[in-house]
């Protein structure tokens, strides 16, 4: 893969069980096996070339729980797949973008990820992955 692309859209929900019927029963998407990361349960649904991740907090102190308390359910983040995460983060640092993760960490599926602060990206929480 040479070009960056959208990997997934993370959607914060209060209950995966309540949100899932729309994606499964109406859109006909097949849910993946639940995973946990960052204090949240995550169910991925393949939507063409992009995944939709339903994110339900498991811990009241988790980022998803805090997001839901501040903003309610909705789009939490957009994840872009890049060919070289380390190089992308280096370019972000050089350009002065505020990073939440200065170095990559492991996210859902064991993938290397890093988040950029929404204040640096015009109000959008952006996740980068390889």
N, C-alpha and C. Protein backbone atom coordinates (compact mmCIF):
# COMPACT_ATOMS: atom_id res chain seq x y z
N UNK A 1 0.84 -1.17 0.00
CA UNK A 1 0.00 0.00 0.00
C UNK A 1 0.89 1.24 0.00
N UNK A 2 0.68 2.11 -0.97
CA UNK A 2 1.49 3.31 -1.07
C UNK A 2 0.75 4.58 -0.65
N UNK A 3 -0.55 4.58 -0.79
CA UNK A 3 -1.33 5.78 -0.53
C UNK A 3 -2.07 5.68 0.80
N UNK A 4 -2.10 6.77 1.57
CA UNK A 4 -2.93 6.76 2.78
C UNK A 4 -4.40 6.57 2.40
N UNK A 5 -5.16 5.98 3.31
CA UNK A 5 -6.59 5.79 3.08
C UNK A 5 -7.30 5.76 4.43
N UNK A 6 -8.61 5.86 4.40
CA UNK A 6 -9.39 5.74 5.62
C UNK A 6 -9.39 4.27 6.02
N UNK A 7 -9.02 3.99 7.26
CA UNK A 7 -9.01 2.63 7.78
C UNK A 7 -10.33 2.32 8.47
N UNK A 8 -10.76 3.22 9.36
CA UNK A 8 -12.03 3.04 10.04
C UNK A 8 -12.54 4.35 10.62
N UNK A 9 -13.82 4.32 10.97
CA UNK A 9 -14.46 5.43 11.68
C UNK A 9 -14.92 4.86 13.02
N UNK A 10 -14.47 5.48 14.11
CA UNK A 10 -14.85 5.04 15.45
C UNK A 10 -16.10 5.77 15.90
N UNK A 11 -17.11 5.02 16.32
CA UNK A 11 -18.36 5.61 16.76
C UNK A 11 -18.59 5.25 18.22
N UNK A 12 -18.66 6.27 19.07
CA UNK A 12 -18.90 6.08 20.50
C UNK A 12 -20.38 5.79 20.72
N UNK A 13 -20.67 4.69 21.42
CA UNK A 13 -22.05 4.32 21.73
C UNK A 13 -22.15 3.96 23.21
N UNK A 14 -23.32 4.14 23.77
CA UNK A 14 -23.50 3.75 25.17
C UNK A 14 -23.68 2.24 25.30
N UNK A 15 -24.16 1.60 24.21
CA UNK A 15 -24.38 0.17 24.23
C UNK A 15 -24.21 -0.41 22.82
N UNK A 16 -23.23 -1.27 22.66
CA UNK A 16 -23.05 -1.94 21.38
C UNK A 16 -24.29 -2.78 21.06
N UNK A 17 -24.84 -3.44 22.07
CA UNK A 17 -26.02 -4.29 21.85
C UNK A 17 -27.19 -3.49 21.28
N UNK A 18 -27.33 -2.23 21.70
CA UNK A 18 -28.41 -1.39 21.18
C UNK A 18 -28.08 -0.80 19.82
N UNK A 19 -26.82 -0.52 19.55
CA UNK A 19 -26.42 0.10 18.27
C UNK A 19 -26.28 -0.93 17.15
N UNK A 20 -25.90 -2.14 17.49
CA UNK A 20 -25.57 -3.15 16.49
C UNK A 20 -26.71 -3.53 15.54
N UNK A 21 -27.97 -3.61 15.99
CA UNK A 21 -29.03 -4.03 15.06
C UNK A 21 -29.12 -3.18 13.78
N UNK A 22 -28.89 -1.88 13.86
CA UNK A 22 -28.93 -1.06 12.65
C UNK A 22 -27.90 -1.54 11.64
N UNK A 23 -26.67 -1.72 12.09
CA UNK A 23 -25.58 -2.11 11.18
C UNK A 23 -25.75 -3.55 10.68
N UNK A 24 -26.17 -4.43 11.57
CA UNK A 24 -26.31 -5.84 11.23
C UNK A 24 -27.61 -6.11 10.47
N UNK A 25 -28.75 -5.67 11.02
CA UNK A 25 -30.06 -6.05 10.48
C UNK A 25 -30.51 -5.15 9.33
N UNK A 26 -30.17 -3.87 9.37
CA UNK A 26 -30.60 -2.96 8.32
C UNK A 26 -29.58 -2.90 7.19
N UNK A 27 -28.31 -2.72 7.53
CA UNK A 27 -27.28 -2.60 6.50
C UNK A 27 -26.70 -3.94 6.07
N UNK A 28 -26.94 -4.98 6.85
CA UNK A 28 -26.46 -6.31 6.49
C UNK A 28 -24.98 -6.53 6.73
N UNK A 29 -24.38 -5.75 7.61
CA UNK A 29 -22.95 -5.91 7.92
C UNK A 29 -22.75 -7.02 8.94
N UNK A 30 -21.63 -7.69 8.84
CA UNK A 30 -21.32 -8.79 9.75
C UNK A 30 -20.38 -8.28 10.83
N UNK A 31 -20.80 -8.32 12.09
CA UNK A 31 -19.92 -7.84 13.17
C UNK A 31 -18.76 -8.78 13.41
N UNK A 32 -17.60 -8.20 13.68
CA UNK A 32 -16.44 -8.99 14.07
C UNK A 32 -16.54 -9.37 15.53
N UNK A 33 -15.57 -10.12 15.99
CA UNK A 33 -15.53 -10.52 17.39
C UNK A 33 -15.19 -9.31 18.25
N UNK A 34 -15.85 -9.15 19.39
CA UNK A 34 -15.53 -8.02 20.27
C UNK A 34 -14.07 -8.08 20.73
N UNK A 35 -13.47 -6.90 20.82
CA UNK A 35 -12.11 -6.74 21.35
C UNK A 35 -12.17 -5.68 22.44
N UNK A 36 -11.11 -5.56 23.19
CA UNK A 36 -11.01 -4.48 24.16
C UNK A 36 -9.71 -3.73 23.95
N UNK A 37 -9.80 -2.41 24.11
CA UNK A 37 -8.63 -1.53 24.05
C UNK A 37 -9.01 -0.22 24.69
N UNK A 38 -8.09 0.39 25.40
CA UNK A 38 -8.30 1.71 26.01
C UNK A 38 -9.57 1.78 26.84
N UNK A 39 -9.89 0.70 27.56
CA UNK A 39 -11.06 0.72 28.43
C UNK A 39 -12.39 0.67 27.71
N UNK A 40 -12.37 0.17 26.47
CA UNK A 40 -13.61 0.10 25.69
C UNK A 40 -13.74 -1.27 25.03
N UNK A 41 -14.98 -1.68 24.84
CA UNK A 41 -15.29 -2.84 24.00
C UNK A 41 -15.44 -2.31 22.59
N UNK A 42 -14.88 -3.04 21.62
CA UNK A 42 -14.88 -2.60 20.22
C UNK A 42 -15.41 -3.72 19.34
N UNK A 43 -16.39 -3.40 18.53
CA UNK A 43 -16.89 -4.34 17.52
C UNK A 43 -16.72 -3.66 16.17
N UNK A 44 -15.98 -4.32 15.28
CA UNK A 44 -15.74 -3.79 13.94
C UNK A 44 -16.72 -4.40 12.96
N UNK A 45 -17.14 -3.56 12.01
CA UNK A 45 -18.02 -3.99 10.94
C UNK A 45 -17.43 -3.51 9.64
N UNK A 46 -17.21 -4.43 8.70
CA UNK A 46 -16.61 -4.08 7.40
C UNK A 46 -17.66 -3.40 6.54
N UNK A 47 -17.34 -2.22 6.05
CA UNK A 47 -18.25 -1.42 5.22
C UNK A 47 -17.47 -1.05 3.97
N UNK A 48 -17.48 -1.96 2.98
CA UNK A 48 -16.66 -1.75 1.79
C UNK A 48 -15.20 -1.87 2.15
N UNK A 49 -14.42 -0.83 1.84
CA UNK A 49 -12.99 -0.83 2.15
C UNK A 49 -12.68 -0.22 3.51
N UNK A 50 -13.72 0.19 4.23
CA UNK A 50 -13.54 0.89 5.50
C UNK A 50 -14.29 0.14 6.59
N UNK A 51 -13.73 0.11 7.79
CA UNK A 51 -14.44 -0.49 8.93
C UNK A 51 -15.17 0.60 9.69
N UNK A 52 -16.28 0.22 10.29
CA UNK A 52 -16.95 1.04 11.29
C UNK A 52 -16.69 0.33 12.61
N UNK A 53 -16.16 1.06 13.59
CA UNK A 53 -15.92 0.49 14.91
C UNK A 53 -16.91 1.08 15.89
N UNK A 54 -17.70 0.22 16.51
CA UNK A 54 -18.59 0.64 17.59
C UNK A 54 -17.79 0.55 18.88
N UNK A 55 -17.75 1.63 19.63
CA UNK A 55 -16.91 1.75 20.82
C UNK A 55 -17.79 1.97 22.05
N UNK A 56 -17.82 1.01 22.96
CA UNK A 56 -18.61 1.10 24.18
C UNK A 56 -17.67 1.13 25.38
N UNK A 57 -17.82 2.11 26.27
CA UNK A 57 -16.90 2.17 27.41
C UNK A 57 -17.11 1.00 28.38
N UNK A 58 -16.00 0.46 28.87
CA UNK A 58 -16.03 -0.56 29.91
C UNK A 58 -15.60 0.03 31.24
N UNK A 59 -14.92 1.16 31.18
CA UNK A 59 -14.36 1.83 32.36
C UNK A 59 -14.87 3.27 32.36
N UNK A 60 -15.45 3.74 33.45
CA UNK A 60 -15.97 5.11 33.48
C UNK A 60 -14.89 6.19 33.32
N UNK A 61 -13.63 5.81 33.47
CA UNK A 61 -12.54 6.78 33.29
C UNK A 61 -11.92 6.68 31.89
N UNK A 62 -12.45 5.83 31.03
CA UNK A 62 -11.88 5.63 29.70
C UNK A 62 -12.14 6.84 28.80
N UNK A 63 -11.33 6.98 27.75
CA UNK A 63 -11.57 8.08 26.80
C UNK A 63 -12.97 8.06 26.19
N UNK A 64 -13.50 6.88 25.90
CA UNK A 64 -14.83 6.79 25.30
C UNK A 64 -15.90 7.23 26.30
N UNK A 65 -15.77 6.81 27.56
CA UNK A 65 -16.73 7.24 28.59
C UNK A 65 -16.70 8.76 28.76
N UNK A 66 -15.52 9.34 28.76
CA UNK A 66 -15.39 10.80 28.88
C UNK A 66 -16.01 11.50 27.67
N UNK A 67 -15.78 10.96 26.48
CA UNK A 67 -16.36 11.52 25.26
C UNK A 67 -17.89 11.49 25.35
N UNK A 68 -18.45 10.35 25.73
CA UNK A 68 -19.90 10.22 25.84
C UNK A 68 -20.47 11.20 26.86
N UNK A 69 -19.77 11.38 27.97
CA UNK A 69 -20.24 12.31 29.00
C UNK A 69 -20.25 13.75 28.50
N UNK A 70 -19.25 14.11 27.69
CA UNK A 70 -19.15 15.49 27.17
C UNK A 70 -20.04 15.73 25.96
N UNK A 71 -20.08 14.77 25.04
CA UNK A 71 -20.71 15.01 23.75
C UNK A 71 -21.86 14.09 23.40
N UNK A 72 -21.99 12.97 24.11
CA UNK A 72 -23.02 12.01 23.77
C UNK A 72 -22.55 11.10 22.64
N UNK A 73 -23.40 10.16 22.23
CA UNK A 73 -23.01 9.22 21.19
C UNK A 73 -22.73 9.93 19.86
N UNK A 74 -21.83 9.35 19.09
CA UNK A 74 -21.53 9.90 17.77
C UNK A 74 -20.13 9.54 17.32
N UNK A 75 -19.72 10.17 16.23
CA UNK A 75 -18.39 9.89 15.68
C UNK A 75 -17.33 10.35 16.68
N UNK A 76 -16.49 9.43 17.07
CA UNK A 76 -15.43 9.70 18.02
C UNK A 76 -14.12 10.06 17.31
N UNK A 77 -13.77 9.30 16.26
CA UNK A 77 -12.52 9.57 15.55
C UNK A 77 -12.55 8.97 14.15
N UNK A 78 -11.63 9.44 13.34
CA UNK A 78 -11.39 8.89 12.01
C UNK A 78 -9.97 8.35 12.02
N UNK A 79 -9.79 7.14 11.52
CA UNK A 79 -8.46 6.53 11.48
C UNK A 79 -7.98 6.45 10.04
N UNK A 80 -6.79 6.98 9.81
CA UNK A 80 -6.16 6.94 8.49
C UNK A 80 -5.03 5.93 8.51
N UNK A 81 -5.00 5.06 7.50
CA UNK A 81 -3.91 4.09 7.35
C UNK A 81 -2.82 4.75 6.51
N UNK A 82 -1.60 4.74 7.04
CA UNK A 82 -0.46 5.34 6.35
C UNK A 82 0.59 4.26 6.10
N UNK A 83 1.43 4.44 5.07
CA UNK A 83 2.42 3.41 4.76
C UNK A 83 3.49 3.26 5.84
N UNK A 84 3.82 4.35 6.56
CA UNK A 84 4.90 4.32 7.55
C UNK A 84 4.49 5.21 8.71
N UNK A 85 4.01 4.61 9.79
CA UNK A 85 3.51 5.37 10.94
C UNK A 85 4.60 6.22 11.58
N UNK A 86 5.80 5.67 11.73
CA UNK A 86 6.89 6.43 12.36
C UNK A 86 7.22 7.67 11.54
N UNK A 87 7.27 7.53 10.22
CA UNK A 87 7.57 8.67 9.35
C UNK A 87 6.45 9.71 9.41
N UNK A 88 5.19 9.25 9.44
CA UNK A 88 4.06 10.18 9.53
C UNK A 88 4.10 10.97 10.83
N UNK A 89 4.43 10.29 11.94
CA UNK A 89 4.53 10.99 13.22
C UNK A 89 5.69 11.97 13.22
N UNK A 90 6.79 11.60 12.60
CA UNK A 90 7.93 12.52 12.50
C UNK A 90 7.54 13.77 11.71
N UNK A 91 6.79 13.60 10.63
CA UNK A 91 6.33 14.76 9.85
C UNK A 91 5.37 15.62 10.68
N UNK A 92 4.51 14.96 11.47
CA UNK A 92 3.59 15.72 12.34
C UNK A 92 4.38 16.55 13.35
N UNK A 93 5.36 15.92 13.99
CA UNK A 93 6.18 16.65 14.98
C UNK A 93 6.90 17.82 14.32
N UNK A 94 7.50 17.58 13.16
CA UNK A 94 8.25 18.63 12.45
C UNK A 94 7.35 19.80 12.06
N UNK A 95 6.08 19.49 11.76
CA UNK A 95 5.13 20.53 11.36
C UNK A 95 4.46 21.19 12.56
N UNK A 96 4.75 20.71 13.77
CA UNK A 96 4.21 21.32 14.97
C UNK A 96 2.83 20.83 15.39
N UNK A 97 2.38 19.70 14.86
CA UNK A 97 1.09 19.15 15.26
C UNK A 97 1.18 18.56 16.66
N UNK A 98 0.17 18.80 17.45
CA UNK A 98 0.12 18.26 18.81
C UNK A 98 -0.29 16.79 18.76
N UNK A 99 0.52 15.94 19.36
CA UNK A 99 0.27 14.50 19.36
C UNK A 99 -0.25 14.06 20.73
N UNK A 100 -1.21 13.18 20.74
CA UNK A 100 -1.62 12.54 21.98
C UNK A 100 -0.65 11.41 22.28
N UNK A 101 -0.26 10.68 21.25
CA UNK A 101 0.71 9.59 21.37
C UNK A 101 2.00 10.00 20.67
N UNK A 102 3.04 10.29 21.44
CA UNK A 102 4.32 10.69 20.85
C UNK A 102 4.98 9.52 20.12
N UNK A 103 4.71 8.31 20.60
CA UNK A 103 5.23 7.11 19.95
C UNK A 103 4.06 6.15 19.75
N UNK A 104 4.14 5.30 18.73
CA UNK A 104 3.05 4.36 18.48
C UNK A 104 2.84 3.41 19.65
N UNK A 105 1.59 2.96 19.79
CA UNK A 105 1.23 1.96 20.80
C UNK A 105 0.34 0.94 20.13
N UNK A 106 -0.01 -0.10 20.84
CA UNK A 106 -0.86 -1.16 20.28
C UNK A 106 -2.33 -0.83 20.52
N UNK A 107 -3.11 -0.96 19.46
CA UNK A 107 -4.55 -0.75 19.54
C UNK A 107 -5.29 -2.03 19.22
N UNK A 108 -6.55 -1.91 18.87
CA UNK A 108 -7.38 -3.07 18.53
C UNK A 108 -6.71 -3.87 17.42
N UNK A 109 -6.82 -5.16 17.51
CA UNK A 109 -6.21 -6.03 16.52
C UNK A 109 -4.71 -6.09 16.59
N UNK A 110 -4.13 -5.49 17.65
CA UNK A 110 -2.68 -5.49 17.81
C UNK A 110 -1.96 -4.53 16.88
N UNK A 111 -2.72 -3.69 16.17
CA UNK A 111 -2.10 -2.75 15.23
C UNK A 111 -1.40 -1.61 15.96
N UNK A 112 -0.34 -1.12 15.34
CA UNK A 112 0.34 0.07 15.87
C UNK A 112 -0.50 1.29 15.52
N UNK A 113 -0.75 2.13 16.53
CA UNK A 113 -1.59 3.31 16.34
C UNK A 113 -0.98 4.51 17.05
N UNK A 114 -1.44 5.69 16.69
CA UNK A 114 -1.11 6.92 17.41
C UNK A 114 -2.21 7.93 17.10
N UNK A 115 -2.57 8.72 18.11
CA UNK A 115 -3.61 9.73 17.95
C UNK A 115 -3.01 11.13 17.89
N UNK A 116 -3.63 11.98 17.07
CA UNK A 116 -3.30 13.40 17.01
C UNK A 116 -4.38 14.16 17.76
N UNK A 117 -4.00 15.21 18.46
CA UNK A 117 -4.96 15.97 19.25
C UNK A 117 -5.91 16.74 18.34
N UNK A 118 -7.21 16.74 18.66
CA UNK A 118 -8.17 17.43 17.80
C UNK A 118 -7.95 18.94 17.69
N UNK A 119 -7.29 19.54 18.66
CA UNK A 119 -6.99 20.97 18.55
C UNK A 119 -6.01 21.25 17.41
N UNK A 120 -5.24 20.24 17.04
CA UNK A 120 -4.27 20.41 15.96
C UNK A 120 -4.86 20.08 14.59
N UNK A 121 -6.02 19.43 14.59
CA UNK A 121 -6.58 18.93 13.33
C UNK A 121 -8.01 19.44 13.10
N UNK A 122 -8.23 20.68 13.46
CA UNK A 122 -9.51 21.36 13.20
C UNK A 122 -10.70 20.65 13.81
N UNK A 123 -10.52 20.16 15.05
CA UNK A 123 -11.63 19.59 15.80
C UNK A 123 -11.89 18.12 15.57
N UNK A 124 -11.08 17.45 14.77
CA UNK A 124 -11.27 16.01 14.51
C UNK A 124 -10.18 15.22 15.23
N UNK A 125 -10.59 14.26 16.06
CA UNK A 125 -9.63 13.35 16.65
C UNK A 125 -9.21 12.38 15.55
N UNK A 126 -7.92 12.38 15.23
CA UNK A 126 -7.41 11.53 14.15
C UNK A 126 -6.49 10.48 14.72
N UNK A 127 -6.73 9.25 14.29
CA UNK A 127 -5.87 8.13 14.63
C UNK A 127 -5.11 7.76 13.37
N UNK A 128 -3.83 7.48 13.51
CA UNK A 128 -3.01 6.98 12.41
C UNK A 128 -2.63 5.55 12.70
N UNK A 129 -2.60 4.72 11.67
CA UNK A 129 -2.19 3.32 11.81
C UNK A 129 -1.49 2.90 10.53
N UNK A 130 -0.82 1.77 10.60
CA UNK A 130 -0.16 1.22 9.40
C UNK A 130 -1.03 0.15 8.77
